[in-house]
N, C-alpha and C. Protein backbone atom coordinates (compact mmCIF):
# COMPACT_ATOMS: atom_id res chain seq x y z
N MET A 1 117.13 96.98 100.10
CA MET A 1 116.88 98.39 100.33
C MET A 1 116.26 98.55 101.73
N ILE A 2 116.55 99.64 102.37
CA ILE A 2 115.96 99.98 103.67
C ILE A 2 114.98 101.13 103.47
N ILE A 3 113.76 100.94 103.94
CA ILE A 3 112.70 101.94 103.78
C ILE A 3 112.17 102.30 105.16
N LYS A 4 112.07 103.60 105.45
CA LYS A 4 111.54 104.06 106.73
C LYS A 4 110.17 104.71 106.49
N LYS A 5 109.20 104.36 107.34
CA LYS A 5 107.85 104.91 107.24
C LYS A 5 107.31 105.19 108.63
N LYS A 6 106.46 106.21 108.72
CA LYS A 6 105.75 106.52 109.96
C LYS A 6 104.69 105.46 110.21
N ILE A 7 104.40 105.23 111.49
CA ILE A 7 103.28 104.38 111.86
C ILE A 7 102.65 104.94 113.12
N TRP A 8 101.33 104.98 113.15
CA TRP A 8 100.62 105.51 114.31
C TRP A 8 100.72 104.55 115.48
N PRO A 9 100.69 105.07 116.72
CA PRO A 9 100.88 104.25 117.92
C PRO A 9 99.97 103.01 118.01
N GLU A 10 98.70 103.14 117.66
CA GLU A 10 97.79 102.00 117.79
C GLU A 10 98.20 100.84 116.89
N TYR A 11 98.71 101.15 115.70
CA TYR A 11 99.14 100.10 114.77
C TYR A 11 100.53 99.59 115.15
N PHE A 12 101.37 100.48 115.67
CA PHE A 12 102.70 100.08 116.16
C PHE A 12 102.54 99.00 117.23
N GLU A 13 101.64 99.24 118.18
CA GLU A 13 101.44 98.30 119.29
C GLU A 13 100.93 96.95 118.79
N LYS A 14 100.05 96.97 117.79
CA LYS A 14 99.51 95.71 117.26
C LYS A 14 100.60 94.90 116.55
N ILE A 15 101.48 95.57 115.84
CA ILE A 15 102.60 94.88 115.19
C ILE A 15 103.57 94.36 116.25
N LYS A 16 103.87 95.20 117.23
CA LYS A 16 104.80 94.82 118.30
C LYS A 16 104.31 93.57 119.04
N SER A 17 103.00 93.49 119.28
CA SER A 17 102.42 92.36 120.01
C SER A 17 102.33 91.09 119.14
N GLY A 18 102.46 91.25 117.83
CA GLY A 18 102.36 90.12 116.93
C GLY A 18 100.96 89.89 116.38
N LYS A 19 99.99 90.70 116.83
CA LYS A 19 98.61 90.55 116.36
C LYS A 19 98.45 90.96 114.90
N LYS A 20 99.12 92.05 114.50
CA LYS A 20 99.02 92.58 113.14
C LYS A 20 100.25 92.13 112.35
N LYS A 21 100.00 91.35 111.30
CA LYS A 21 101.10 90.80 110.51
C LYS A 21 101.01 91.23 109.05
N PHE A 22 100.52 92.42 108.84
CA PHE A 22 100.41 92.98 107.50
C PHE A 22 100.52 94.49 107.61
N GLU A 23 100.75 95.15 106.50
CA GLU A 23 100.79 96.61 106.48
C GLU A 23 100.11 97.06 105.19
N VAL A 24 99.21 98.01 105.29
CA VAL A 24 98.52 98.56 104.12
C VAL A 24 99.07 99.96 103.90
N ARG A 25 99.58 100.20 102.72
CA ARG A 25 100.18 101.50 102.40
C ARG A 25 99.79 101.93 101.01
N MET A 26 99.76 103.25 100.78
CA MET A 26 99.63 103.76 99.44
C MET A 26 100.89 103.34 98.67
N ALA A 27 100.71 102.92 97.44
CA ALA A 27 101.84 102.43 96.63
C ALA A 27 102.59 103.59 95.99
N ASP A 28 103.10 104.50 96.82
CA ASP A 28 103.78 105.69 96.31
C ASP A 28 105.29 105.64 96.56
N PHE A 29 105.81 104.44 96.84
CA PHE A 29 107.25 104.27 97.03
C PHE A 29 107.64 102.88 96.55
N PRO A 30 108.89 102.73 96.11
CA PRO A 30 109.33 101.40 95.65
C PRO A 30 109.64 100.49 96.85
N ILE A 31 109.21 99.24 96.75
CA ILE A 31 109.53 98.23 97.76
C ILE A 31 109.46 96.87 97.07
N ASN A 32 110.36 96.00 97.45
CA ASN A 32 110.41 94.65 96.88
C ASN A 32 110.51 93.62 97.99
N GLU A 33 110.14 92.39 97.67
CA GLU A 33 110.29 91.31 98.63
C GLU A 33 111.74 91.26 99.10
N GLY A 34 111.91 91.12 100.40
CA GLY A 34 113.25 91.06 100.97
C GLY A 34 113.77 92.40 101.46
N ASP A 35 113.13 93.50 101.05
CA ASP A 35 113.55 94.82 101.54
C ASP A 35 113.27 94.92 103.04
N THR A 36 114.00 95.80 103.71
CA THR A 36 113.80 96.04 105.14
C THR A 36 112.91 97.25 105.32
N LEU A 37 111.84 97.07 106.08
CA LEU A 37 110.90 98.16 106.36
C LEU A 37 111.04 98.53 107.84
N ILE A 38 111.43 99.78 108.07
CA ILE A 38 111.55 100.28 109.44
C ILE A 38 110.34 101.17 109.70
N LEU A 39 109.49 100.72 110.63
CA LEU A 39 108.28 101.46 110.98
C LEU A 39 108.58 102.27 112.24
N GLU A 40 108.54 103.59 112.10
CA GLU A 40 108.87 104.50 113.19
C GLU A 40 107.58 105.07 113.78
N GLU A 41 107.38 104.80 115.07
CA GLU A 41 106.15 105.26 115.73
C GLU A 41 106.07 106.78 115.71
N TYR A 42 104.90 107.29 115.30
CA TYR A 42 104.69 108.73 115.16
C TYR A 42 103.41 109.10 115.90
N ASP A 43 103.54 110.00 116.87
CA ASP A 43 102.39 110.44 117.65
C ASP A 43 101.66 111.54 116.88
N THR A 44 100.44 111.23 116.45
CA THR A 44 99.67 112.18 115.63
C THR A 44 99.19 113.38 116.44
N LYS A 45 99.10 113.23 117.76
CA LYS A 45 98.65 114.34 118.61
C LYS A 45 99.74 115.39 118.77
N THR A 46 100.97 114.93 119.03
CA THR A 46 102.07 115.86 119.24
C THR A 46 102.85 116.13 117.95
N LYS A 47 102.53 115.33 116.92
CA LYS A 47 103.20 115.44 115.62
C LYS A 47 104.72 115.27 115.75
N THR A 48 105.09 114.28 116.57
CA THR A 48 106.51 113.96 116.77
C THR A 48 106.71 112.45 116.77
N TYR A 49 107.93 112.05 116.45
CA TYR A 49 108.29 110.64 116.55
C TYR A 49 108.52 110.31 118.01
N THR A 50 108.16 109.10 118.42
CA THR A 50 108.31 108.70 119.83
C THR A 50 109.71 108.15 120.12
N GLY A 51 110.45 107.79 119.08
CA GLY A 51 111.76 107.19 119.26
C GLY A 51 111.72 105.67 119.18
N ARG A 52 110.50 105.09 119.14
CA ARG A 52 110.38 103.64 119.02
C ARG A 52 110.25 103.25 117.55
N SER A 53 110.82 102.12 117.21
CA SER A 53 110.71 101.62 115.84
C SER A 53 110.69 100.10 115.83
N ILE A 54 110.16 99.56 114.77
CA ILE A 54 110.12 98.11 114.55
C ILE A 54 110.69 97.86 113.17
N THR A 55 111.56 96.89 113.06
CA THR A 55 112.15 96.53 111.77
C THR A 55 111.57 95.20 111.31
N LYS A 56 111.04 95.19 110.09
CA LYS A 56 110.44 93.99 109.50
C LYS A 56 110.96 93.80 108.09
N LYS A 57 110.97 92.57 107.65
CA LYS A 57 111.36 92.24 106.28
C LYS A 57 110.09 92.15 105.44
N ALA A 58 110.10 92.74 104.25
CA ALA A 58 108.94 92.70 103.37
C ALA A 58 108.82 91.31 102.75
N GLY A 59 107.63 90.74 102.84
CA GLY A 59 107.33 89.46 102.20
C GLY A 59 106.58 89.71 100.90
N TYR A 60 105.55 88.95 100.66
CA TYR A 60 104.74 89.11 99.44
C TYR A 60 104.14 90.51 99.39
N ILE A 61 104.19 91.14 98.24
CA ILE A 61 103.66 92.49 98.05
C ILE A 61 102.64 92.46 96.92
N LEU A 62 101.43 92.93 97.19
CA LEU A 62 100.38 93.01 96.19
C LEU A 62 100.11 94.49 95.93
N LYS A 63 100.36 94.93 94.70
CA LYS A 63 100.06 96.31 94.30
C LYS A 63 98.94 96.26 93.28
N PHE A 64 97.99 97.17 93.41
CA PHE A 64 96.91 97.23 92.43
C PHE A 64 96.29 98.61 92.41
N LYS A 65 95.62 98.92 91.34
CA LYS A 65 94.88 100.18 91.21
C LYS A 65 93.42 99.88 91.54
N LEU A 66 92.65 100.90 91.88
CA LEU A 66 91.26 100.70 92.27
C LEU A 66 90.46 99.93 91.22
N ASP A 67 90.76 100.13 89.95
CA ASP A 67 89.97 99.47 88.92
C ASP A 67 90.65 98.22 88.35
N SER A 68 91.67 97.71 89.01
CA SER A 68 92.35 96.51 88.53
C SER A 68 91.40 95.33 88.38
N PHE A 69 90.36 95.29 89.19
CA PHE A 69 89.41 94.18 89.16
C PHE A 69 88.07 94.61 88.57
N GLY A 70 88.02 95.79 87.94
CA GLY A 70 86.79 96.28 87.33
C GLY A 70 85.73 96.68 88.33
N GLN A 71 86.17 97.09 89.53
CA GLN A 71 85.21 97.42 90.58
C GLN A 71 85.48 98.77 91.24
N GLU A 72 85.98 99.71 90.48
CA GLU A 72 86.37 101.00 91.07
C GLU A 72 85.21 101.67 91.81
N GLU A 73 84.04 101.71 91.23
CA GLU A 73 82.90 102.38 91.88
C GLU A 73 82.49 101.67 93.17
N GLU A 74 82.48 100.34 93.14
CA GLU A 74 82.12 99.58 94.35
C GLU A 74 83.15 99.80 95.45
N ILE A 75 84.43 99.87 95.08
CA ILE A 75 85.48 100.11 96.07
C ILE A 75 85.35 101.51 96.65
N LYS A 76 85.06 102.49 95.81
CA LYS A 76 84.87 103.85 96.32
C LYS A 76 83.69 103.91 97.28
N LYS A 77 82.66 103.15 97.00
CA LYS A 77 81.46 103.13 97.84
C LYS A 77 81.68 102.37 99.14
N ASN A 78 82.30 101.19 99.06
CA ASN A 78 82.40 100.29 100.21
C ASN A 78 83.77 100.26 100.89
N GLY A 79 84.80 100.76 100.20
CA GLY A 79 86.15 100.69 100.75
C GLY A 79 86.76 99.33 100.51
N LEU A 80 87.94 99.12 101.05
CA LEU A 80 88.66 97.86 100.93
C LEU A 80 88.81 97.22 102.31
N MET A 81 89.07 95.93 102.32
CA MET A 81 89.28 95.21 103.56
C MET A 81 90.55 94.36 103.37
N VAL A 82 91.39 94.31 104.36
CA VAL A 82 92.56 93.43 104.34
C VAL A 82 92.30 92.35 105.37
N ILE A 83 92.47 91.11 104.96
CA ILE A 83 92.21 89.99 105.85
C ILE A 83 93.53 89.26 106.12
N GLN A 84 93.87 89.15 107.37
CA GLN A 84 95.07 88.41 107.76
C GLN A 84 94.72 86.93 107.78
N LEU A 85 95.51 86.12 107.11
CA LEU A 85 95.28 84.68 107.06
C LEU A 85 96.17 83.97 108.07
N GLU A 86 95.59 83.12 108.86
CA GLU A 86 96.34 82.38 109.86
C GLU A 86 96.02 80.90 109.78
N ASP A 87 96.92 80.07 110.25
CA ASP A 87 96.69 78.62 110.27
C ASP A 87 95.82 78.25 111.44
């Protein structure tokens, strides 16, 4: 499946440079390992697409609800953190 999503310029640049190797999204759309994700740069100031895009293949996908780990209140208080793992 091919999925298109907006991405803000600061995150687009980090993915383009190779620094950011993950994407955090609300789980409000279907996606599976192997699907193609097209990230289209979207300028939030002008509220327009810039015309630039990056195509990536979806790898491992972790979906969960706030209380999946019995910590909904702590997550609401402290937020979540995504850690990129590198060798």
